[in-house]
Amino acid sequence: MSASGQDWPLWEVFIRSRQGLDHKHVGSLHAADAAQAIALARDVYTRRQEGVSIWVVPSAAITASDPGQKAENFDPMASKIYRHPTFYDIPDEIGHM
């Protein structure tokens, strides 16, 4: 690995905000290892102390679905009506949800 970072792997950075429950992708950076990636992510992406948690993932470890298979991957869900809340009857004593 070179000191300039040219040979360092690319890491994807996810931050959880103070108000959020989920981590959101905020960007990418090059780092020598996971510990350095977290330190750099903290310096670059949480300058205003908006984060409470940082995840870093090597970009090479991410596998994405093929956009060309969108119909095969997501259209079958529409036929499963039990997944929609309108399928269920909510008792009156429950109130609004």
PDB file of N, CA and C in Angstrom:
ATOM      1  N   MET A   1       0.845  -1.180   0.000  1.00  0.00           N
ATOM      2  CA  MET A   1       0.000   0.000   0.000  1.00  0.00           C
ATOM      3  C   MET A   1       0.889   1.241   0.000  1.00  0.00           C
ATOM      4  N   SER A   2       0.533   2.181  -0.789  1.00  0.00           N
ATOM      5  CA  SER A   2       1.318   3.405  -0.812  1.00  0.00           C
ATOM      6  C   SER A   2       0.807   4.388   0.225  1.00  0.00           C
ATOM      7  N   ALA A   3       1.670   5.258   0.673  1.00  0.00           N
ATOM      8  CA  ALA A   3       1.288   6.243   1.682  1.00  0.00           C
ATOM      9  C   ALA A   3       0.314   7.264   1.124  1.00  0.00           C
ATOM     10  N   SER A   4       0.297   7.421  -0.196  1.00  0.00           N
ATOM     11  CA  SER A   4      -0.587   8.418  -0.806  1.00  0.00           C
ATOM     12  C   SER A   4      -2.032   7.940  -0.875  1.00  0.00           C
ATOM     13  N   GLY A   5      -2.252   6.677  -0.647  1.00  0.00           N
ATOM     14  CA  GLY A   5      -3.609   6.146  -0.682  1.00  0.00           C
ATOM     15  C   GLY A   5      -4.048   5.681  -2.052  1.00  0.00           C
ATOM     16  N   GLN A   6      -3.186   5.729  -3.034  1.00  0.00           N
ATOM     17  CA  GLN A   6      -3.562   5.341  -4.385  1.00  0.00           C
ATOM     18  C   GLN A   6      -3.914   3.859  -4.486  1.00  0.00           C
ATOM     19  N   ASP A   7      -3.308   3.034  -3.637  1.00  0.00           N
ATOM     20  CA  ASP A   7      -3.560   1.601  -3.684  1.00  0.00           C
ATOM     21  C   ASP A   7      -4.531   1.137  -2.601  1.00  0.00           C
ATOM     22  N   TRP A   8      -5.020   2.071  -1.795  1.00  0.00           N
ATOM     23  CA  TRP A   8      -5.931   1.711  -0.719  1.00  0.00           C
ATOM     24  C   TRP A   8      -7.292   1.335  -1.268  1.00  0.00           C
ATOM     25  N   PRO A   9      -7.968   0.369  -0.637  1.00  0.00           N
ATOM     26  CA  PRO A   9      -9.295  -0.021  -1.125  1.00  0.00           C
ATOM     27  C   PRO A   9     -10.334   1.077  -0.882  1.00  0.00           C
ATOM     28  N   LEU A  10     -11.382   1.025  -1.654  1.00  0.00           N
ATOM     29  CA  LEU A  10     -12.492   1.968  -1.535  1.00  0.00           C
ATOM     30  C   LEU A  10     -13.484   1.445  -0.500  1.00  0.00           C
ATOM     31  N   TRP A  11     -13.968   2.310   0.373  1.00  0.00           N
ATOM     32  CA  TRP A  11     -14.923   1.967   1.427  1.00  0.00           C
ATOM     33  C   TRP A  11     -16.182   2.801   1.244  1.00  0.00           C
ATOM     34  N   GLU A  12     -17.332   2.195   1.455  1.00  0.00           N
ATOM     35  CA  GLU A  12     -18.606   2.915   1.452  1.00  0.00           C
ATOM     36  C   GLU A  12     -18.929   3.278   2.899  1.00  0.00           C
ATOM     37  N   VAL A  13     -19.411   4.499   3.107  1.00  0.00           N
ATOM     38  CA  VAL A  13     -19.643   5.020   4.455  1.00  0.00           C
ATOM     39  C   VAL A  13     -21.136   5.220   4.691  1.00  0.00           C
ATOM     40  N   PHE A  14     -21.605   4.711   5.831  1.00  0.00           N
ATOM     41  CA  PHE A  14     -23.003   4.848   6.245  1.00  0.00           C
ATOM     42  C   PHE A  14     -23.024   5.494   7.628  1.00  0.00           C
ATOM     43  N   ILE A  15     -23.874   6.510   7.800  1.00  0.00           N
ATOM     44  CA  ILE A  15     -23.969   7.240   9.065  1.00  0.00           C
ATOM     45  C   ILE A  15     -25.397   7.161   9.584  1.00  0.00           C
ATOM     46  N   ARG A  16     -25.536   6.948  10.883  1.00  0.00           N
ATOM     47  CA  ARG A  16     -26.854   7.038  11.528  1.00  0.00           C
ATOM     48  C   ARG A  16     -26.917   8.379  12.239  1.00  0.00           C
ATOM     49  N   SER A  17     -27.948   9.153  11.922  1.00  0.00           N
ATOM     50  CA  SER A  17     -28.080  10.478  12.532  1.00  0.00           C
ATOM     51  C   SER A  17     -28.690  10.362  13.923  1.00  0.00           C
ATOM     52  N   ARG A  18     -28.659  11.442  14.666  1.00  0.00           N
ATOM     53  CA  ARG A  18     -29.225  11.459  16.022  1.00  0.00           C
ATOM     54  C   ARG A  18     -30.724  11.141  16.006  1.00  0.00           C
ATOM     55  N   GLN A  19     -31.438  11.614  15.004  1.00  0.00           N
ATOM     56  CA  GLN A  19     -32.878  11.403  14.941  1.00  0.00           C
ATOM     57  C   GLN A  19     -33.262  10.098  14.233  1.00  0.00           C
ATOM     58  N   GLY A  20     -32.343   9.496  13.518  1.00  0.00           N
ATOM     59  CA  GLY A  20     -32.680   8.341  12.689  1.00  0.00           C
ATOM     60  C   GLY A  20     -32.465   7.009  13.360  1.00  0.00           C
ATOM     61  N   LEU A  21     -33.147   6.004  12.814  1.00  0.00           N
ATOM     62  CA  LEU A  21     -32.964   4.635  13.281  1.00  0.00           C
ATOM     63  C   LEU A  21     -32.152   3.817  12.290  1.00  0.00           C
ATOM     64  N   ASP A  22     -31.976   4.362  11.090  1.00  0.00           N
ATOM     65  CA  ASP A  22     -31.263   3.611  10.063  1.00  0.00           C
ATOM     66  C   ASP A  22     -29.996   4.356   9.653  1.00  0.00           C
ATOM     67  N   HIS A  23     -29.070   3.607   9.124  1.00  0.00           N
ATOM     68  CA  HIS A  23     -27.840   4.181   8.596  1.00  0.00           C
ATOM     69  C   HIS A  23     -28.084   4.561   7.137  1.00  0.00           C
ATOM     70  N   LYS A  24     -27.593   5.704   6.727  1.00  0.00           N
ATOM     71  CA  LYS A  24     -27.749   6.162   5.344  1.00  0.00           C
ATOM     72  C   LYS A  24     -26.379   6.302   4.695  1.00  0.00           C
ATOM     73  N   HIS A  25     -26.330   5.917   3.423  1.00  0.00           N
ATOM     74  CA  HIS A  25     -25.077   6.030   2.681  1.00  0.00           C
ATOM     75  C   HIS A  25     -24.778   7.507   2.468  1.00  0.00           C
ATOM     76  N   VAL A  26     -23.564   7.924   2.856  1.00  0.00           N
ATOM     77  CA  VAL A  26     -23.198   9.334   2.735  1.00  0.00           C
ATOM     78  C   VAL A  26     -22.040   9.558   1.767  1.00  0.00           C
ATOM     79  N   GLY A  27     -21.346   8.503   1.394  1.00  0.00           N
ATOM     80  CA  GLY A  27     -20.247   8.670   0.457  1.00  0.00           C
ATOM     81  C   GLY A  27     -19.246   7.540   0.517  1.00  0.00           C
ATOM     82  N   SER A  28     -18.127   7.773  -0.131  1.00  0.00           N
ATOM     83  CA  SER A  28     -17.071   6.771  -0.229  1.00  0.00           C
ATOM     84  C   SER A  28     -15.737   7.417   0.095  1.00  0.00           C
ATOM     85  N   LEU A  29     -14.775   6.584   0.487  1.00  0.00           N
ATOM     86  CA  LEU A  29     -13.415   7.078   0.727  1.00  0.00           C
ATOM     87  C   LEU A  29     -12.429   5.936   0.605  1.00  0.00           C
ATOM     88  N   HIS A  30     -11.167   6.282   0.413  1.00  0.00           N
ATOM     89  CA  HIS A  30     -10.093   5.292   0.361  1.00  0.00           C
ATOM     90  C   HIS A  30      -9.405   5.259   1.718  1.00  0.00           C
ATOM     91  N   ALA A  31      -9.142   4.054   2.228  1.00  0.00           N
ATOM     92  CA  ALA A  31      -8.440   3.880   3.495  1.00  0.00           C
ATOM     93  C   ALA A  31      -7.693   2.557   3.472  1.00  0.00           C
ATOM     94  N   ALA A  32      -6.650   2.487   4.299  1.00  0.00           N
ATOM     95  CA  ALA A  32      -5.816   1.283   4.346  1.00  0.00           C
ATOM     96  C   ALA A  32      -6.532   0.108   4.996  1.00  0.00           C
ATOM     97  N   ASP A  33      -7.385   0.389   6.013  1.00  0.00           N
ATOM     98  CA  ASP A  33      -8.093  -0.681   6.716  1.00  0.00           C
ATOM     99  C   ASP A  33      -9.370  -0.115   7.327  1.00  0.00           C
ATOM    100  N   ALA A  34     -10.133  -0.980   7.987  1.00  0.00           N
ATOM    101  CA  ALA A  34     -11.435  -0.574   8.542  1.00  0.00           C
ATOM    102  C   ALA A  34     -11.293   0.494   9.621  1.00  0.00           C
ATOM    103  N   ALA A  35     -10.303   0.359  10.481  1.00  0.00           N
ATOM    104  CA  ALA A  35     -10.117   1.347  11.554  1.00  0.00           C
ATOM    105  C   ALA A  35      -9.815   2.723  10.973  1.00  0.00           C
ATOM    106  N   GLN A  36      -8.957   2.767   9.980  1.00  0.00           N
ATOM    107  CA  GLN A  36      -8.652   4.048   9.348  1.00  0.00           C
ATOM    108  C   GLN A  36      -9.870   4.583   8.598  1.00  0.00           C
ATOM    109  N   ALA A  37     -10.637   3.707   7.976  1.00  0.00           N
ATOM    110  CA  ALA A  37     -11.841   4.135   7.260  1.00  0.00           C
ATOM    111  C   ALA A  37     -12.836   4.791   8.215  1.00  0.00           C
ATOM    112  N   ILE A  38     -13.015   4.228   9.410  1.00  0.00           N
ATOM    113  CA  ILE A  38     -13.923   4.828  10.393  1.00  0.00           C
ATOM    114  C   ILE A  38     -13.391   6.185  10.846  1.00  0.00           C
ATOM    115  N   ALA A  39     -12.099   6.278  11.114  1.00  0.00           N
ATOM    116  CA  ALA A  39     -11.518   7.554  11.542  1.00  0.00           C
ATOM    117  C   ALA A  39     -11.673   8.623  10.459  1.00  0.00           C
ATOM    118  N   LEU A  40     -11.383   8.260   9.215  1.00  0.00           N
ATOM    119  CA  LEU A  40     -11.534   9.217   8.118  1.00  0.00           C
ATOM    120  C   LEU A  40     -12.997   9.588   7.902  1.00  0.00           C
ATOM    121  N   ALA A  41     -13.891   8.613   7.998  1.00  0.00           N
ATOM    122  CA  ALA A  41     -15.323   8.883   7.829  1.00  0.00           C
ATOM    123  C   ALA A  41     -15.815   9.843   8.898  1.00  0.00           C
ATOM    124  N   ARG A  42     -15.352   9.651  10.131  1.00  0.00           N
ATOM    125  CA  ARG A  42     -15.727  10.559  11.216  1.00  0.00           C
ATOM    126  C   ARG A  42     -15.281  11.976  10.899  1.00  0.00           C
ATOM    127  N   ASP A  43     -14.044  12.126  10.422  1.00  0.00           N
ATOM    128  CA  ASP A  43     -13.510  13.453  10.110  1.00  0.00           C
ATOM    129  C   ASP A  43     -14.197  14.101   8.913  1.00  0.00           C
ATOM    130  N   VAL A  44     -14.512  13.303   7.913  1.00  0.00           N
ATOM    131  CA  VAL A  44     -15.068  13.852   6.675  1.00  0.00           C
ATOM    132  C   VAL A  44     -16.589  14.035   6.737  1.00  0.00           C
ATOM    133  N   TYR A  45     -17.306  13.066   7.296  1.00  0.00           N
ATOM    134  CA  TYR A  45     -18.767  13.057   7.185  1.00  0.00           C
ATOM    135  C   TYR A  45     -19.526  13.442   8.457  1.00  0.00           C
ATOM    136  N   THR A  46     -18.828  13.661   9.566  1.00  0.00           N
ATOM    137  CA  THR A  46     -19.550  14.049  10.791  1.00  0.00           C
ATOM    138  C   THR A  46     -18.917  15.282  11.424  1.00  0.00           C
ATOM    139  N   ARG A  47     -18.622  16.268  10.627  1.00  0.00           N
ATOM    140  CA  ARG A  47     -17.963  17.474  11.119  1.00  0.00           C
ATOM    141  C   ARG A  47     -18.836  18.270  12.081  1.00  0.00           C
ATOM    142  N   ARG A  48     -20.143  18.173  11.932  1.00  0.00           N
ATOM    143  CA  ARG A  48     -21.056  18.953  12.781  1.00  0.00           C
ATOM    144  C   ARG A  48     -21.671  18.093  13.882  1.00  0.00           C
ATOM    145  N   GLN A  49     -21.047  16.982  14.195  1.00  0.00           N
ATOM    146  CA  GLN A  49     -21.491  16.066  15.249  1.00  0.00           C
ATOM    147  C   GLN A  49     -22.919  15.570  15.032  1.00  0.00           C
ATOM    148  N   GLU A  50     -23.291  15.371  13.757  1.00  0.00           N
ATOM    149  CA  GLU A  50     -24.646  14.919  13.458  1.00  0.00           C
ATOM    150  C   GLU A  50     -24.813  13.405  13.538  1.00  0.00           C
ATOM    151  N   GLY A  51     -23.739  12.666  13.628  1.00  0.00           N
ATOM    152  CA  GLY A  51     -23.841  11.221  13.631  1.00  0.00           C
ATOM    153  C   GLY A  51     -23.698  10.602  15.002  1.00  0.00           C
ATOM    154  N   VAL A  52     -24.312   9.417  15.175  1.00  0.00           N
ATOM    155  CA  VAL A  52     -24.148   8.660  16.413  1.00  0.00           C
ATOM    156  C   VAL A  52     -23.542   7.283  16.152  1.00  0.00           C
ATOM    157  N   SER A  53     -23.470   6.895  14.868  1.00  0.00           N
ATOM    158  CA  SER A  53     -22.915   5.593  14.523  1.00  0.00           C
ATOM    159  C   SER A  53     -22.385   5.648  13.093  1.00  0.00           C
ATOM    160  N   ILE A  54     -21.251   4.991  12.873  1.00  0.00           N
ATOM    161  CA  ILE A  54     -20.644   4.937  11.537  1.00  0.00           C
ATOM    162  C   ILE A  54     -20.427   3.479  11.153  1.00  0.00           C
ATOM    163  N   TRP A  55     -20.826   3.143   9.938  1.00  0.00           N
ATOM    164  CA  TRP A  55     -20.506   1.844   9.355  1.00  0.00           C
ATOM    165  C   TRP A  55     -19.619   2.097   8.145  1.00  0.00           C
ATOM    166  N   VAL A  56     -18.604   1.280   7.963  1.00  0.00           N
ATOM    167  CA  VAL A  56     -17.805   1.292   6.742  1.00  0.00           C
ATOM    168  C   VAL A  56     -17.794  -0.124   6.173  1.00  0.00           C
ATOM    169  N   VAL A  57     -17.956  -0.203   4.865  1.00  0.00           N
ATOM    170  CA  VAL A  57     -18.018  -1.495   4.186  1.00  0.00           C
ATOM    171  C   VAL A  57     -17.110  -1.430   2.958  1.00  0.00           C
ATOM    172  N   PRO A  58     -16.244  -2.420   2.779  1.00  0.00           N
ATOM    173  CA  PRO A  58     -15.430  -2.401   1.560  1.00  0.00           C
ATOM    174  C   PRO A  58     -16.341  -2.437   0.329  1.00  0.00           C
ATOM    175  N   SER A  59     -16.108  -1.550  -0.594  1.00  0.00           N
ATOM    176  CA  SER A  59     -16.937  -1.495  -1.808  1.00  0.00           C
ATOM    177  C   SER A  59     -16.939  -2.830  -2.542  1.00  0.00           C
ATOM    178  N   ALA A  60     -15.824  -3.526  -2.502  1.00  0.00           N
ATOM    179  CA  ALA A  60     -15.717  -4.818  -3.193  1.00  0.00           C
ATOM    180  C   ALA A  60     -16.637  -5.874  -2.582  1.00  0.00           C
ATOM    181  N   ALA A  61     -17.098  -5.663  -1.342  1.00  0.00           N
ATOM    182  CA  ALA A  61     -17.954  -6.647  -0.668  1.00  0.00           C
ATOM    183  C   ALA A  61     -19.440  -6.437  -0.971  1.00  0.00           C
ATOM    184  N   ILE A  62     -19.777  -5.381  -1.685  1.00  0.00           N
ATOM    185  CA  ILE A  62     -21.179  -5.083  -1.977  1.00  0.00           C
ATOM    186  C   ILE A  62     -21.590  -5.739  -3.285  1.00  0.00           C
ATOM    187  N   THR A  63     -22.708  -6.430  -3.242  1.00  0.00           N
ATOM    188  CA  THR A  63     -23.279  -7.044  -4.438  1.00  0.00           C
ATOM    189  C   THR A  63     -24.640  -6.413  -4.672  1.00  0.00           C
ATOM    190  N   ALA A  64     -24.882  -5.962  -5.873  1.00  0.00           N
ATOM    191  CA  ALA A  64     -26.139  -5.282  -6.198  1.00  0.00           C
ATOM    192  C   ALA A  64     -26.953  -6.115  -7.186  1.00  0.00           C
ATOM    193  N   SER A  65     -28.257  -5.923  -7.142  1.00  0.00           N
ATOM    194  CA  SER A  65     -29.122  -6.595  -8.106  1.00  0.00           C
ATOM    195  C   SER A  65     -28.951  -5.932  -9.475  1.00  0.00           C
ATOM    196  N   ASP A  66     -29.285  -6.663 -10.505  1.00  0.00           N
ATOM    197  CA  ASP A  66     -29.194  -6.169 -11.873  1.00  0.00           C
ATOM    198  C   ASP A  66     -30.434  -5.331 -12.172  1.00  0.00           C
ATOM    199  N   PRO A  67     -30.276  -4.046 -12.519  1.00  0.00           N
ATOM    200  CA  PRO A  67     -31.444  -3.227 -12.833  1.00  0.00           C
ATOM    201  C   PRO A  67     -32.294  -3.807 -13.966  1.00  0.00           C
ATOM    202  N   GLY A  68     -31.683  -4.597 -14.827  1.00  0.00           N
ATOM    203  CA  GLY A  68     -32.415  -5.230 -15.920  1.00  0.00           C
ATOM    204  C   GLY A  68     -33.374  -6.316 -15.439  1.00  0.00           C
ATOM    205  N   GLN A  69     -33.228  -6.779 -14.197  1.00  0.00           N
ATOM    206  CA  GLN A  69     -34.097  -7.813 -13.637  1.00  0.00           C
ATOM    207  C   GLN A  69     -35.097  -7.224 -12.645  1.00  0.00           C
ATOM    208  N   LYS A  70     -35.374  -5.938 -12.768  1.00  0.00           N
ATOM    209  CA  LYS A  70     -36.278  -5.260 -11.839  1.00  0.00           C
ATOM    210  C   LYS A  70     -37.650  -5.935 -11.803  1.00  0.00           C
ATOM    211  N   ALA A  71     -38.195  -6.263 -12.940  1.00  0.00           N
ATOM    212  CA  ALA A  71     -39.524  -6.892 -12.988  1.00  0.00           C
ATOM    213  C   ALA A  71     -39.521  -8.247 -12.280  1.00  0.00           C
ATOM    214  N   GLU A  72     -38.501  -9.031 -12.502  1.00  0.00           N
ATOM    215  CA  GLU A  72     -38.417 -10.351 -11.868  1.00  0.00           C
ATOM    216  C   GLU A  72     -38.247 -10.247 -10.360  1.00  0.00           C
ATOM    217  N   ASN A  73     -37.485  -9.255  -9.907  1.00  0.00           N
ATOM    218  CA  ASN A  73     -37.184  -9.126  -8.486  1.00  0.00           C
ATOM    219  C   ASN A  73     -38.292  -8.489  -7.669  1.00  0.00           C
ATOM    220  N   PHE A  74     -39.033  -7.532  -8.254  1.00  0.00           N
ATOM    221  CA  PHE A  74     -39.941  -6.740  -7.439  1.00  0.00           C
ATOM    222  C   PHE A  74     -41.409  -6.841  -7.808  1.00  0.00           C
ATOM    223  N   ASP A  75     -41.750  -7.150  -9.031  1.00  0.00           N
ATOM    224  CA  ASP A  75     -43.157  -7.237  -9.428  1.00  0.00           C
ATOM    225  C   ASP A  75     -43.920  -8.365  -8.743  1.00  0.00           C
ATOM    226  N   PRO A  76     -43.325  -9.520  -8.448  1.00  0.00           N
ATOM    227  CA  PRO A  76     -44.095 -10.585  -7.782  1.00  0.00           C
ATOM    228  C   PRO A  76     -44.666 -10.176  -6.426  1.00  0.00           C
ATOM    229  N   MET A  77     -44.130  -9.155  -5.794  1.00  0.00           N
ATOM    230  CA  MET A  77     -44.618  -8.725  -4.490  1.00  0.00           C
ATOM    231  C   MET A  77     -46.045  -8.176  -4.572  1.00  0.00           C
ATOM    232  N   ALA A  78     -46.427  -7.628  -5.701  1.00  0.00           N
ATOM    233  CA  ALA A  78     -47.760  -7.032  -5.846  1.00  0.00           C
ATOM    234  C   ALA A  78     -48.863  -8.081  -5.719  1.00  0.00           C
ATOM    235  N   SER A  79     -48.560  -9.333  -6.011  1.00  0.00           N
ATOM    236  CA  SER A  79     -49.583 -10.380  -5.944  1.00  0.00           C
ATOM    237  C   SER A  79     -49.773 -10.938  -4.532  1.00  0.00           C
ATOM    238  N   LYS A  80     -49.015 -10.469  -3.579  1.00  0.00           N
ATOM    239  CA  LYS A  80     -49.097 -10.968  -2.197  1.00  0.00           C
ATOM    240  C   LYS A  80     -49.828  -9.937  -1.346  1.00  0.00           C
ATOM    241  N   ILE A  81     -51.171  -9.944  -1.448  1.00  0.00           N
ATOM    242  CA  ILE A  81     -51.965  -8.909  -0.800  1.00  0.00           C
ATOM    243  C   ILE A  81     -51.865  -8.961   0.717  1.00  0.00           C
ATOM    244  N   TYR A  82     -51.524 -10.097   1.276  1.00  0.00           N
ATOM    245  CA  TYR A  82     -51.419 -10.201   2.730  1.00  0.00           C
ATOM    246  C   TYR A  82     -50.279  -9.351   3.285  1.00  0.00           C
ATOM    247  N   ARG A  83     -49.410  -8.868   2.434  1.00  0.00           N
ATOM    248  CA  ARG A  83     -48.326  -8.003   2.888  1.00  0.00           C
ATOM    249  C   ARG A  83     -48.759  -6.549   3.020  1.00  0.00           C
ATOM    250  N   HIS A  84     -49.944  -6.241   2.541  1.00  0.00           N
ATOM    251  CA  HIS A  84     -50.451  -4.877   2.625  1.00  0.00           C
ATOM    252  C   HIS A  84     -51.343  -4.758   3.854  1.00  0.00           C
ATOM    253  N   PRO A  85     -51.248  -3.673   4.614  1.00  0.00           N
ATOM    254  CA  PRO A  85     -52.035  -3.541   5.843  1.00  0.00           C
ATOM    255  C   PRO A  85     -53.538  -3.497   5.600  1.00  0.00           C
ATOM    256  N   THR A  86     -53.967  -3.220   4.372  1.00  0.00           N
ATOM    257  CA  THR A  86     -55.405  -3.163   4.081  1.00  0.00           C
ATOM    258  C   THR A  86     -56.033  -4.553   4.101  1.00  0.00           C
ATOM    259  N   PHE A  87     -55.226  -5.589   4.091  1.00  0.00           N
ATOM    260  CA  PHE A  87     -55.730  -6.954   4.085  1.00  0.00           C
ATOM    261  C   PHE A  87     -56.300  -7.333   5.449  1.00  0.00           C
ATOM    262  N   TYR A  88     -55.832  -6.688   6.510  1.00  0.00           N
ATOM    263  CA  TYR A  88     -56.211  -7.056   7.864  1.00  0.00           C
ATOM    264  C   TYR A  88     -57.312  -6.142   8.410  1.00  0.00           C
ATOM    265  N   ASP A  89     -58.230  -6.723   9.185  1.00  0.00           N
ATOM    266  CA  ASP A  89     -59.238  -5.946   9.896  1.00  0.00           C
ATOM    267  C   ASP A  89     -58.687  -5.592  11.273  1.00  0.00           C
ATOM    268  N   ILE A  90     -58.743  -4.314  11.617  1.00  0.00           N
ATOM    269  CA  ILE A  90     -58.245  -3.861  12.918  1.00  0.00           C
ATOM    270  C   ILE A  90     -59.438  -3.658  13.840  1.00  0.00           C
ATOM    271  N   PRO A  91     -59.440  -4.292  14.980  1.00  0.00           N
ATOM    272  CA  PRO A  91     -60.554  -4.142  15.931  1.00  0.00           C
ATOM    273  C   PRO A  91     -60.725  -2.685  16.360  1.00  0.00           C
ATOM    274  N   ASP A  92     -61.967  -2.270  16.610  1.00  0.00           N
ATOM    275  CA  ASP A  92     -62.263  -0.881  16.982  1.00  0.00           C
ATOM    276  C   ASP A  92     -61.533  -0.469  18.257  1.00  0.00           C
ATOM    277  N   GLU A  93     -61.382  -1.409  19.221  1.00  0.00           N
ATOM    278  CA  GLU A  93     -60.755  -1.061  20.494  1.00  0.00           C
ATOM    279  C   GLU A  93     -59.264  -0.730  20.366  1.00  0.00           C
ATOM    280  N   ILE A  94     -58.662  -1.053  19.237  1.00  0.00           N
ATOM    281  CA  ILE A  94     -57.260  -0.737  19.016  1.00  0.00           C
ATOM    282  C   ILE A  94     -57.101   0.768  18.760  1.00  0.00           C
ATOM    283  N   GLY A  95     -58.058   1.409  18.162  1.00  0.00           N
ATOM    284  CA  GLY A  95     -57.944   2.838  17.807  1.00  0.00           C
ATOM    285  C   GLY A  95     -57.216   2.981  16.494  1.00  0.00           C
ATOM    286  N   HIS A  96     -56.705   4.162  16.259  1.00  0.00           N
ATOM    287  CA  HIS A  96     -55.983   4.374  14.993  1.00  0.00           C
ATOM    288  C   HIS A  96     -54.531   3.947  15.142  1.00  0.00           C
ATOM    289  N   MET A  97     -53.958   3.546  14.044  1.00  0.00           N
ATOM    290  CA  MET A  97     -52.561   3.105  14.047  1.00  0.00           C
ATOM    291  C   MET A  97     -51.764   3.993  13.134  1.00  0.00           C
TER     292      MET A  97
END
